[in-house]
Amino acid sequence: MKQRIDGVTPPYEPETDRALHRWMPPGVAREPLMLFKVLERHPELASRMRALGAGLLVHGRLSDADRELVIARVAARCGCAYEWGVHMATYAETVGLTPRQVTLTATGGPDHPAWSGRQAALLRAVDELHDTARVGDAAWSGLREHLDEPEVLELLVLAGWYRTIAYVANGARIEPEPWALALPGTDRPGG
């Protein structure tokens, strides 16, 4: 399938170049992601999105491991091979997800023995949000065993944010990054 919206291309205007590099995490020397290049087709929207995205990714209260588990599960449940592949290739090992757990973010249930109680609670909440746009009482109680109120609020926003990102990536059919992991069940990172 062909990507529906082309990303901006070099040579970039100076403001576009600065904006693209603001999207990338500090110290990352990689070319800016195609997702960011596509979003920069609408610079005003991109700048508003960047503030929330950076806040969740770099300045959140959730641990990096919790954050990446939630992102992977949201992306997998949305069938967003692009975002799943980027995050799992970039962060999975550094946050301590085993190769088996990486696969299970897309193929396993929250009750799989590979998950800790905390991880299972996060996955259960993400699954309920995906299926019903709600968190039932049992899943809420599970979350509250592990997270304080600000962390639960952040989880809700994080899950919703990455659902939005999945809509953008899937709707625009953003082509996979060449280095991204393939979402289990697909033949390539872009699905």
N, C-alpha and C. Protein backbone atom coordinates (compact mmCIF):
# COMPACT_ATOMS: atom_id res chain seq x y z
N MET A 1 0.84 -1.18 0.00
CA MET A 1 0.00 0.00 0.00
C MET A 1 0.88 1.24 0.00
N LYS A 2 0.49 2.21 -0.74
CA LYS A 2 1.25 3.45 -0.84
C LYS A 2 0.89 4.41 0.29
N GLN A 3 1.92 5.05 0.81
CA GLN A 3 1.70 6.07 1.83
C GLN A 3 0.82 7.17 1.25
N ARG A 4 -0.16 7.62 2.02
CA ARG A 4 -1.15 8.57 1.51
C ARG A 4 -0.73 10.03 1.62
N ILE A 5 0.10 10.37 2.58
CA ILE A 5 0.60 11.74 2.74
C ILE A 5 2.11 11.66 2.81
N ASP A 6 2.77 12.30 1.86
CA ASP A 6 4.23 12.29 1.87
C ASP A 6 4.75 13.17 2.99
N GLY A 7 5.84 12.73 3.59
CA GLY A 7 6.49 13.56 4.58
C GLY A 7 7.29 14.66 3.91
N VAL A 8 7.62 15.68 4.69
CA VAL A 8 8.49 16.74 4.17
C VAL A 8 9.83 16.11 3.79
N THR A 9 10.50 16.69 2.82
CA THR A 9 11.76 16.12 2.34
C THR A 9 12.87 17.16 2.38
N PRO A 10 14.11 16.69 2.54
CA PRO A 10 15.25 17.61 2.53
C PRO A 10 15.45 18.18 1.12
N PRO A 11 16.08 19.29 0.99
CA PRO A 11 16.58 20.11 2.10
C PRO A 11 15.42 20.81 2.80
N TYR A 12 15.44 20.75 4.14
CA TYR A 12 14.36 21.33 4.93
C TYR A 12 14.57 22.83 5.10
N GLU A 13 13.48 23.55 5.15
CA GLU A 13 13.54 24.94 5.57
C GLU A 13 14.08 24.96 7.00
N PRO A 14 14.77 26.02 7.41
CA PRO A 14 15.35 26.03 8.77
C PRO A 14 14.34 25.76 9.88
N GLU A 15 13.15 26.34 9.80
CA GLU A 15 12.16 26.10 10.87
C GLU A 15 11.68 24.66 10.86
N THR A 16 11.52 24.07 9.68
CA THR A 16 11.12 22.67 9.58
C THR A 16 12.20 21.77 10.15
N ASP A 17 13.45 22.07 9.85
CA ASP A 17 14.57 21.29 10.38
C ASP A 17 14.58 21.35 11.91
N ARG A 18 14.41 22.53 12.48
CA ARG A 18 14.37 22.67 13.94
C ARG A 18 13.19 21.89 14.52
N ALA A 19 12.03 21.99 13.87
CA ALA A 19 10.84 21.29 14.36
C ALA A 19 11.04 19.77 14.33
N LEU A 20 11.60 19.26 13.25
CA LEU A 20 11.84 17.82 13.16
C LEU A 20 12.78 17.34 14.25
N HIS A 21 13.81 18.11 14.53
CA HIS A 21 14.76 17.70 15.56
C HIS A 21 14.19 17.86 16.97
N ARG A 22 13.22 18.74 17.14
CA ARG A 22 12.55 18.84 18.45
C ARG A 22 11.69 17.60 18.71
N TRP A 23 11.21 16.96 17.64
CA TRP A 23 10.42 15.74 17.80
C TRP A 23 11.28 14.59 18.33
N MET A 24 12.54 14.55 17.93
CA MET A 24 13.39 13.41 18.24
C MET A 24 13.89 13.49 19.69
N PRO A 25 13.98 12.35 20.37
CA PRO A 25 14.51 12.35 21.73
C PRO A 25 15.94 12.89 21.75
N PRO A 26 16.34 13.50 22.87
CA PRO A 26 17.70 14.04 22.97
C PRO A 26 18.75 12.96 22.71
N GLY A 27 19.77 13.33 21.96
CA GLY A 27 20.88 12.43 21.72
C GLY A 27 20.67 11.40 20.62
N VAL A 28 19.50 11.38 19.98
CA VAL A 28 19.24 10.42 18.90
C VAL A 28 19.74 11.02 17.60
N ALA A 29 20.65 10.30 16.94
CA ALA A 29 21.26 10.80 15.71
C ALA A 29 20.52 10.35 14.46
N ARG A 30 19.52 9.52 14.62
CA ARG A 30 18.74 9.00 13.50
C ARG A 30 18.02 10.11 12.74
N GLU A 31 17.77 9.86 11.48
CA GLU A 31 16.92 10.74 10.67
C GLU A 31 15.55 10.82 11.35
N PRO A 32 14.92 12.00 11.38
CA PRO A 32 13.59 12.09 12.00
C PRO A 32 12.61 11.08 11.39
N LEU A 33 11.74 10.58 12.24
CA LEU A 33 10.78 9.57 11.82
C LEU A 33 9.83 10.09 10.74
N MET A 34 9.40 9.18 9.88
CA MET A 34 8.44 9.54 8.84
C MET A 34 7.15 10.09 9.45
N LEU A 35 6.74 9.55 10.58
CA LEU A 35 5.55 10.09 11.26
C LEU A 35 5.72 11.59 11.49
N PHE A 36 6.87 12.01 11.97
CA PHE A 36 7.11 13.42 12.23
C PHE A 36 7.17 14.23 10.94
N LYS A 37 7.74 13.64 9.90
CA LYS A 37 7.81 14.32 8.61
C LYS A 37 6.41 14.52 8.03
N VAL A 38 5.53 13.55 8.24
CA VAL A 38 4.15 13.69 7.79
C VAL A 38 3.44 14.77 8.60
N LEU A 39 3.59 14.73 9.92
CA LEU A 39 2.94 15.72 10.76
C LEU A 39 3.41 17.14 10.44
N GLU A 40 4.64 17.29 10.02
CA GLU A 40 5.16 18.62 9.68
C GLU A 40 4.54 19.18 8.40
N ARG A 41 3.69 18.42 7.73
CA ARG A 41 2.89 18.98 6.62
C ARG A 41 1.86 19.97 7.17
N HIS A 42 1.60 19.90 8.47
CA HIS A 42 0.68 20.81 9.16
C HIS A 42 1.45 21.31 10.40
N PRO A 43 2.36 22.27 10.22
CA PRO A 43 3.25 22.68 11.32
C PRO A 43 2.54 23.15 12.59
N GLU A 44 1.42 23.83 12.45
CA GLU A 44 0.71 24.29 13.66
C GLU A 44 0.18 23.11 14.47
N LEU A 45 -0.43 22.16 13.79
CA LEU A 45 -0.91 20.97 14.47
C LEU A 45 0.25 20.20 15.08
N ALA A 46 1.32 20.04 14.31
CA ALA A 46 2.49 19.31 14.80
C ALA A 46 3.06 19.93 16.06
N SER A 47 3.13 21.24 16.12
CA SER A 47 3.70 21.89 17.31
C SER A 47 2.82 21.67 18.53
N ARG A 48 1.52 21.65 18.34
CA ARG A 48 0.61 21.38 19.47
C ARG A 48 0.73 19.92 19.92
N MET A 49 0.86 19.03 18.97
CA MET A 49 0.99 17.61 19.30
C MET A 49 2.33 17.32 19.97
N ARG A 50 3.36 17.98 19.51
CA ARG A 50 4.72 17.72 20.04
C ARG A 50 4.78 17.98 21.54
N ALA A 51 4.11 19.01 22.01
CA ALA A 51 4.16 19.34 23.44
C ALA A 51 3.63 18.18 24.28
N LEU A 52 2.49 17.63 23.92
CA LEU A 52 1.94 16.53 24.70
C LEU A 52 2.78 15.27 24.51
N GLY A 53 3.14 14.98 23.28
CA GLY A 53 3.93 13.77 23.02
C GLY A 53 5.24 13.76 23.79
N ALA A 54 5.95 14.89 23.77
CA ALA A 54 7.23 14.97 24.49
C ALA A 54 7.00 14.88 25.99
N GLY A 55 5.94 15.51 26.46
CA GLY A 55 5.65 15.44 27.89
C GLY A 55 5.41 14.02 28.36
N LEU A 56 4.71 13.24 27.57
CA LEU A 56 4.44 11.85 27.94
C LEU A 56 5.68 10.98 27.80
N LEU A 57 6.46 11.23 26.78
CA LEU A 57 7.61 10.37 26.50
C LEU A 57 8.81 10.66 27.39
N VAL A 58 9.04 11.91 27.70
CA VAL A 58 10.26 12.29 28.40
C VAL A 58 10.02 12.74 29.84
N HIS A 59 8.87 13.32 30.11
CA HIS A 59 8.65 13.94 31.42
C HIS A 59 7.50 13.30 32.20
N GLY A 60 7.13 12.09 31.86
CA GLY A 60 6.00 11.46 32.53
C GLY A 60 6.35 10.91 33.90
N ARG A 61 5.32 10.61 34.66
CA ARG A 61 5.47 10.01 35.99
C ARG A 61 5.58 8.50 35.92
N LEU A 62 4.98 7.90 34.89
CA LEU A 62 5.09 6.44 34.75
C LEU A 62 6.54 6.07 34.46
N SER A 63 6.93 4.90 34.91
CA SER A 63 8.28 4.43 34.59
C SER A 63 8.39 4.22 33.08
N ASP A 64 9.60 4.23 32.59
CA ASP A 64 9.82 3.96 31.16
C ASP A 64 9.25 2.59 30.78
N ALA A 65 9.44 1.61 31.66
CA ALA A 65 8.93 0.26 31.37
C ALA A 65 7.41 0.25 31.28
N ASP A 66 6.74 0.92 32.21
CA ASP A 66 5.27 1.00 32.15
C ASP A 66 4.83 1.71 30.89
N ARG A 67 5.46 2.84 30.60
CA ARG A 67 5.10 3.63 29.42
C ARG A 67 5.21 2.80 28.15
N GLU A 68 6.32 2.11 27.98
CA GLU A 68 6.52 1.36 26.74
C GLU A 68 5.59 0.16 26.63
N LEU A 69 5.26 -0.46 27.76
CA LEU A 69 4.30 -1.56 27.73
C LEU A 69 2.94 -1.05 27.28
N VAL A 70 2.51 0.08 27.82
CA VAL A 70 1.22 0.66 27.43
C VAL A 70 1.24 1.04 25.95
N ILE A 71 2.30 1.71 25.50
CA ILE A 71 2.38 2.12 24.09
C ILE A 71 2.34 0.89 23.17
N ALA A 72 3.11 -0.13 23.51
CA ALA A 72 3.15 -1.33 22.67
C ALA A 72 1.77 -1.98 22.59
N ARG A 73 1.09 -2.05 23.72
CA ARG A 73 -0.21 -2.71 23.73
C ARG A 73 -1.25 -1.90 22.95
N VAL A 74 -1.26 -0.58 23.15
CA VAL A 74 -2.18 0.26 22.39
C VAL A 74 -1.91 0.12 20.90
N ALA A 75 -0.65 0.23 20.50
CA ALA A 75 -0.31 0.13 19.08
C ALA A 75 -0.71 -1.23 18.52
N ALA A 76 -0.42 -2.29 19.25
CA ALA A 76 -0.77 -3.63 18.78
C ALA A 76 -2.28 -3.80 18.67
N ARG A 77 -3.02 -3.37 19.68
CA ARG A 77 -4.48 -3.51 19.65
C ARG A 77 -5.09 -2.70 18.51
N CYS A 78 -4.46 -1.58 18.16
CA CYS A 78 -4.95 -0.76 17.05
C CYS A 78 -4.44 -1.26 15.70
N GLY A 79 -3.63 -2.30 15.71
CA GLY A 79 -3.05 -2.79 14.46
C GLY A 79 -2.09 -1.79 13.85
N CYS A 80 -1.46 -0.99 14.70
CA CYS A 80 -0.54 0.04 14.21
C CYS A 80 0.89 -0.50 14.22
N ALA A 81 1.20 -1.22 13.16
CA ALA A 81 2.52 -1.83 13.04
C ALA A 81 3.62 -0.77 13.03
N TYR A 82 3.35 0.39 12.45
CA TYR A 82 4.36 1.45 12.39
C TYR A 82 4.81 1.83 13.80
N GLU A 83 3.88 2.24 14.65
CA GLU A 83 4.27 2.74 15.98
C GLU A 83 4.77 1.62 16.87
N TRP A 84 4.16 0.45 16.78
CA TRP A 84 4.64 -0.69 17.57
C TRP A 84 6.10 -0.98 17.20
N GLY A 85 6.37 -1.05 15.91
CA GLY A 85 7.72 -1.39 15.45
C GLY A 85 8.77 -0.39 15.85
N VAL A 86 8.44 0.90 15.79
CA VAL A 86 9.37 1.96 16.17
C VAL A 86 9.67 1.87 17.67
N HIS A 87 8.63 1.78 18.48
CA HIS A 87 8.84 1.76 19.94
C HIS A 87 9.53 0.49 20.41
N MET A 88 9.17 -0.65 19.87
CA MET A 88 9.81 -1.88 20.33
C MET A 88 11.26 -1.94 19.88
N ALA A 89 11.57 -1.45 18.69
CA ALA A 89 12.97 -1.44 18.24
C ALA A 89 13.81 -0.46 19.06
N THR A 90 13.21 0.64 19.46
CA THR A 90 13.95 1.70 20.14
C THR A 90 14.06 1.47 21.65
N TYR A 91 12.98 1.02 22.27
CA TYR A 91 12.92 1.04 23.73
C TYR A 91 12.80 -0.32 24.43
N ALA A 92 12.33 -1.35 23.78
CA ALA A 92 12.00 -2.59 24.48
C ALA A 92 13.15 -3.13 25.31
N GLU A 93 14.31 -3.25 24.73
CA GLU A 93 15.45 -3.82 25.46
C GLU A 93 15.87 -2.91 26.61
N THR A 94 15.92 -1.60 26.36
CA THR A 94 16.39 -0.69 27.41
C THR A 94 15.43 -0.60 28.59
N VAL A 95 14.14 -0.87 28.39
CA VAL A 95 13.20 -0.83 29.52
C VAL A 95 13.01 -2.20 30.15
N GLY A 96 13.70 -3.21 29.63
CA GLY A 96 13.68 -4.52 30.26
C GLY A 96 12.63 -5.49 29.77
N LEU A 97 12.01 -5.21 28.64
CA LEU A 97 11.07 -6.19 28.07
C LEU A 97 11.88 -7.30 27.39
N THR A 98 11.56 -8.53 27.73
CA THR A 98 12.24 -9.67 27.11
C THR A 98 11.71 -9.85 25.69
N PRO A 99 12.44 -10.55 24.84
CA PRO A 99 11.90 -10.82 23.50
C PRO A 99 10.53 -11.50 23.54
N ARG A 100 10.33 -12.40 24.50
CA ARG A 100 9.02 -13.07 24.63
C ARG A 100 7.95 -12.05 24.99
N GLN A 101 8.23 -11.15 25.93
CA GLN A 101 7.25 -10.14 26.31
C GLN A 101 6.95 -9.19 25.16
N VAL A 102 7.97 -8.85 24.38
CA VAL A 102 7.74 -7.99 23.21
C VAL A 102 6.69 -8.62 22.31
N THR A 103 6.86 -9.90 22.00
CA THR A 103 5.89 -10.60 21.17
C THR A 103 4.52 -10.64 21.84
N LEU A 104 4.51 -10.89 23.14
CA LEU A 104 3.24 -10.99 23.87
C LEU A 104 2.47 -9.68 23.95
N THR A 105 3.14 -8.55 23.78
CA THR A 105 2.39 -7.29 23.76
C THR A 105 1.37 -7.29 22.63
N ALA A 106 1.67 -8.08 21.59
CA ALA A 106 0.77 -8.16 20.43
C ALA A 106 -0.05 -9.44 20.38
N THR A 107 0.43 -10.49 21.04
CA THR A 107 -0.22 -11.80 20.85
C THR A 107 -0.78 -12.42 22.11
N GLY A 108 -0.44 -11.91 23.28
CA GLY A 108 -0.82 -12.56 24.52
C GLY A 108 -1.82 -11.76 25.34
N GLY A 109 -2.44 -12.43 26.26
CA GLY A 109 -3.39 -11.79 27.16
C GLY A 109 -2.71 -11.30 28.43
N PRO A 110 -3.41 -10.48 29.19
CA PRO A 110 -2.84 -9.95 30.43
C PRO A 110 -2.56 -11.01 31.48
N ASP A 111 -3.19 -12.20 31.37
CA ASP A 111 -3.00 -13.24 32.37
C ASP A 111 -1.85 -14.19 32.05
N HIS A 112 -1.12 -13.92 30.98
CA HIS A 112 0.01 -14.78 30.63
C HIS A 112 1.05 -14.74 31.75
N PRO A 113 1.66 -15.86 32.07
CA PRO A 113 2.62 -15.90 33.18
C PRO A 113 3.88 -15.06 32.97
N ALA A 114 4.11 -14.58 31.77
CA ALA A 114 5.29 -13.73 31.53
C ALA A 114 5.15 -12.35 32.16
N TRP A 115 3.92 -11.99 32.54
CA TRP A 115 3.68 -10.65 33.08
C TRP A 115 3.66 -10.65 34.60
N SER A 116 4.22 -9.61 35.18
CA SER A 116 4.09 -9.37 36.62
C SER A 116 2.66 -8.90 36.91
N GLY A 117 2.31 -8.82 38.16
CA GLY A 117 1.00 -8.31 38.53
C GLY A 117 0.79 -6.89 38.03
N ARG A 118 1.81 -6.08 38.14
CA ARG A 118 1.74 -4.69 37.68
C ARG A 118 1.53 -4.63 36.17
N GLN A 119 2.33 -5.41 35.43
CA GLN A 119 2.20 -5.42 33.97
C GLN A 119 0.83 -5.93 33.55
N ALA A 120 0.33 -6.96 34.21
CA ALA A 120 -0.99 -7.49 33.89
C ALA A 120 -2.07 -6.44 34.12
N ALA A 121 -1.94 -5.67 35.19
CA ALA A 121 -2.92 -4.61 35.47
C ALA A 121 -2.90 -3.55 34.38
N LEU A 122 -1.72 -3.17 33.92
CA LEU A 122 -1.62 -2.18 32.85
C LEU A 122 -2.24 -2.72 31.57
N LEU A 123 -1.91 -3.95 31.21
CA LEU A 123 -2.44 -4.54 29.99
C LEU A 123 -3.96 -4.68 30.05
N ARG A 124 -4.47 -5.11 31.19
CA ARG A 124 -5.92 -5.27 31.35
C ARG A 124 -6.62 -3.93 31.14
N ALA A 125 -6.07 -2.88 31.73
CA ALA A 125 -6.68 -1.56 31.58
C ALA A 125 -6.65 -1.10 30.12
N VAL A 126 -5.51 -1.28 29.45
CA VAL A 126 -5.41 -0.88 28.04
C VAL A 126 -6.42 -1.67 27.20
N ASP A 127 -6.52 -2.96 27.45
CA ASP A 127 -7.47 -3.78 26.68
C ASP A 127 -8.91 -3.30 26.89
N GLU A 128 -9.26 -3.01 28.13
CA GLU A 128 -10.63 -2.53 28.39
C GLU A 128 -10.87 -1.18 27.74
N LEU A 129 -9.88 -0.29 27.83
CA LEU A 129 -10.03 1.02 27.16
C LEU A 129 -10.21 0.83 25.66
N HIS A 130 -9.42 -0.06 25.08
CA HIS A 130 -9.52 -0.30 23.64
C HIS A 130 -10.90 -0.84 23.27
N ASP A 131 -11.38 -1.79 24.05
CA ASP A 131 -12.65 -2.46 23.71
C ASP A 131 -13.89 -1.65 24.05
N THR A 132 -13.83 -0.84 25.12
CA THR A 132 -15.06 -0.21 25.61
C THR A 132 -14.94 1.29 25.88
N ALA A 133 -13.73 1.84 25.79
CA ALA A 133 -13.47 3.24 26.16
C ALA A 133 -13.77 3.48 27.64
N ARG A 134 -13.67 2.43 28.43
CA ARG A 134 -13.89 2.50 29.88
C ARG A 134 -12.91 1.56 30.58
N VAL A 135 -12.77 1.75 31.88
CA VAL A 135 -12.02 0.81 32.72
C VAL A 135 -13.00 0.33 33.78
N GLY A 136 -13.26 -0.97 33.79
CA GLY A 136 -14.18 -1.55 34.75
C GLY A 136 -13.62 -1.49 36.17
N ASP A 137 -14.48 -1.76 37.13
CA ASP A 137 -14.09 -1.67 38.54
C ASP A 137 -12.93 -2.61 38.89
N ALA A 138 -12.97 -3.83 38.39
CA ALA A 138 -11.89 -4.78 38.71
C ALA A 138 -10.56 -4.31 38.13
N ALA A 139 -10.57 -3.86 36.88
CA ALA A 139 -9.33 -3.37 36.26
C ALA A 139 -8.85 -2.10 36.97
N TRP A 140 -9.78 -1.25 37.37
CA TRP A 140 -9.41 -0.03 38.10
C TRP A 140 -8.74 -0.39 39.42
N SER A 141 -9.32 -1.31 40.14
CA SER A 141 -8.73 -1.74 41.41
C SER A 141 -7.34 -2.31 41.19
N GLY A 142 -7.16 -3.08 40.11
CA GLY A 142 -5.84 -3.62 39.78
C GLY A 142 -4.83 -2.52 39.52
N LEU A 143 -5.25 -1.49 38.79
CA LEU A 143 -4.36 -0.36 38.55
C LEU A 143 -3.97 0.33 39.85
N ARG A 144 -4.97 0.56 40.70
CA ARG A 144 -4.74 1.30 41.94
C ARG A 144 -3.85 0.55 42.93
N GLU A 145 -3.73 -0.77 42.76
CA GLU A 145 -2.78 -1.53 43.58
C GLU A 145 -1.34 -1.14 43.26
N HIS A 146 -1.13 -0.62 42.05
CA HIS A 146 0.23 -0.36 41.57
C HIS A 146 0.52 1.10 41.26
N LEU A 147 -0.51 1.89 40.99
CA LEU A 147 -0.32 3.27 40.55
C LEU A 147 -1.07 4.23 41.45
N ASP A 148 -0.48 5.42 41.65
CA ASP A 148 -1.20 6.45 42.39
C ASP A 148 -2.11 7.21 41.41
N GLU A 149 -2.90 8.14 41.92
CA GLU A 149 -3.86 8.84 41.06
C GLU A 149 -3.21 9.56 39.89
N PRO A 150 -2.13 10.36 40.11
CA PRO A 150 -1.51 11.00 38.95
C PRO A 150 -1.01 10.00 37.90
N GLU A 151 -0.50 8.87 38.34
CA GLU A 151 -0.03 7.86 37.38
C GLU A 151 -1.19 7.25 36.61
N VAL A 152 -2.31 7.01 37.26
CA VAL A 152 -3.48 6.47 36.56
C VAL A 152 -3.99 7.48 35.53
N LEU A 153 -4.04 8.74 35.91
CA LEU A 153 -4.46 9.77 34.95
C LEU A 153 -3.51 9.80 33.76
N GLU A 154 -2.22 9.71 34.04
CA GLU A 154 -1.25 9.70 32.94
C GLU A 154 -1.44 8.48 32.05
N LEU A 155 -1.70 7.33 32.64
CA LEU A 155 -1.94 6.13 31.84
C LEU A 155 -3.12 6.33 30.90
N LEU A 156 -4.20 6.92 31.41
CA LEU A 156 -5.38 7.15 30.57
C LEU A 156 -5.06 8.08 29.40
N VAL A 157 -4.32 9.14 29.67
CA VAL A 157 -3.93 10.07 28.60
C VAL A 157 -2.95 9.40 27.64
N LEU A 158 -1.99 8.66 28.17
CA LEU A 158 -1.00 7.97 27.34
C LEU A 158 -1.69 7.01 26.37
N ALA A 159 -2.61 6.21 26.88
CA ALA A 159 -3.32 5.25 26.02
C ALA A 159 -4.12 5.99 24.94
N GLY A 160 -4.78 7.06 25.31
CA GLY A 160 -5.54 7.83 24.33
C GLY A 160 -4.65 8.51 23.31
N TRP A 161 -3.52 9.04 23.77
CA TRP A 161 -2.57 9.70 22.87
C TRP A 161 -2.06 8.72 21.82
N TYR A 162 -1.67 7.53 22.25
CA TYR A 162 -1.12 6.59 21.28
C TYR A 162 -2.20 5.97 20.39
N ARG A 163 -3.43 6.00 20.82
CA ARG A 163 -4.52 5.64 19.91
C ARG A 163 -4.63 6.71 18.82
N THR A 164 -4.49 7.97 19.20
CA THR A 164 -4.48 9.05 18.22
C THR A 164 -3.33 8.87 17.23
N ILE A 165 -2.15 8.57 17.74
CA ILE A 165 -1.00 8.34 16.87
C ILE A 165 -1.27 7.17 15.93
N ALA A 166 -1.90 6.12 16.45
CA ALA A 166 -2.25 4.97 15.60
C ALA A 166 -3.20 5.38 14.49
N TYR A 167 -4.16 6.25 14.80
CA TYR A 167 -5.07 6.74 13.76
C TYR A 167 -4.30 7.47 12.67
N VAL A 168 -3.35 8.32 13.06
CA VAL A 168 -2.57 9.07 12.08
C VAL A 168 -1.74 8.11 11.23
N ALA A 169 -0.98 7.24 11.89
CA ALA A 169 -0.09 6.34 11.16
C ALA A 169 -0.87 5.38 10.25
N ASN A 170 -1.94 4.81 10.78
CA ASN A 170 -2.74 3.88 9.97
C ASN A 170 -3.52 4.59 8.88
N GLY A 171 -4.12 5.73 9.24
CA GLY A 171 -4.93 6.46 8.25
C GLY A 171 -4.11 6.99 7.09
N ALA A 172 -2.91 7.47 7.39
CA ALA A 172 -2.03 8.00 6.33
C ALA A 172 -1.19 6.90 5.69
N ARG A 173 -1.32 5.67 6.22
CA ARG A 173 -0.52 4.53 5.74
C ARG A 173 0.97 4.87 5.73
N ILE A 174 1.45 5.37 6.84
CA ILE A 174 2.86 5.76 6.91
C ILE A 174 3.74 4.52 6.75
N GLU A 175 4.67 4.64 5.83
CA GLU A 175 5.56 3.52 5.51
C GLU A 175 6.49 3.23 6.68
N PRO A 176 6.85 1.97 6.84
CA PRO A 176 7.67 1.58 7.98
C PRO A 176 9.06 2.18 7.95
N GLU A 177 9.60 2.39 9.13
CA GLU A 177 11.01 2.76 9.23
C GLU A 177 11.81 1.49 8.91
N PRO A 178 12.90 1.61 8.16
CA PRO A 178 13.62 0.40 7.74
C PRO A 178 14.20 -0.42 8.89
N TRP A 179 14.39 0.19 10.04
CA TRP A 179 15.02 -0.47 11.19
C TRP A 179 14.00 -0.95 12.21
N ALA A 180 12.71 -0.67 12.00
CA ALA A 180 11.67 -1.02 12.98
C ALA A 180 11.45 -2.53 13.03
N LEU A 181 10.96 -2.99 14.16
CA LEU A 181 10.57 -4.40 14.29
C LEU A 181 9.23 -4.63 13.58
N ALA A 182 9.03 -5.85 13.15
CA ALA A 182 7.75 -6.23 12.53
C ALA A 182 6.77 -6.62 13.61
N LEU A 183 5.57 -6.07 13.54
CA LEU A 183 4.50 -6.45 14.44
C LEU A 183 4.19 -7.93 14.21
N PRO A 184 4.20 -8.73 15.28
CA PRO A 184 3.88 -10.17 15.07
C PRO A 184 2.56 -10.33 14.33
N GLY A 185 2.59 -11.23 13.38
CA GLY A 185 1.40 -11.48 12.56
C GLY A 185 1.39 -10.69 11.26
N THR A 186 2.42 -9.85 11.04
CA THR A 186 2.53 -9.12 9.78
C THR A 186 3.83 -9.52 9.12
N ASP A 187 3.92 -9.27 7.82
CA ASP A 187 5.13 -9.65 7.11
C ASP A 187 6.15 -8.52 7.03
N ARG A 188 5.81 -7.35 7.51
CA ARG A 188 6.73 -6.22 7.51
C ARG A 188 6.28 -5.22 8.57
N PRO A 189 7.17 -4.31 8.98
CA PRO A 189 6.81 -3.38 10.05
C PRO A 189 5.60 -2.52 9.75
N GLY A 190 5.32 -2.21 8.51
CA GLY A 190 4.19 -1.34 8.20
C GLY A 190 2.87 -2.06 8.10
N GLY A 191 2.87 -3.35 8.29
CA GLY A 191 1.61 -4.10 8.33
C GLY A 191 1.15 -4.62 7.03
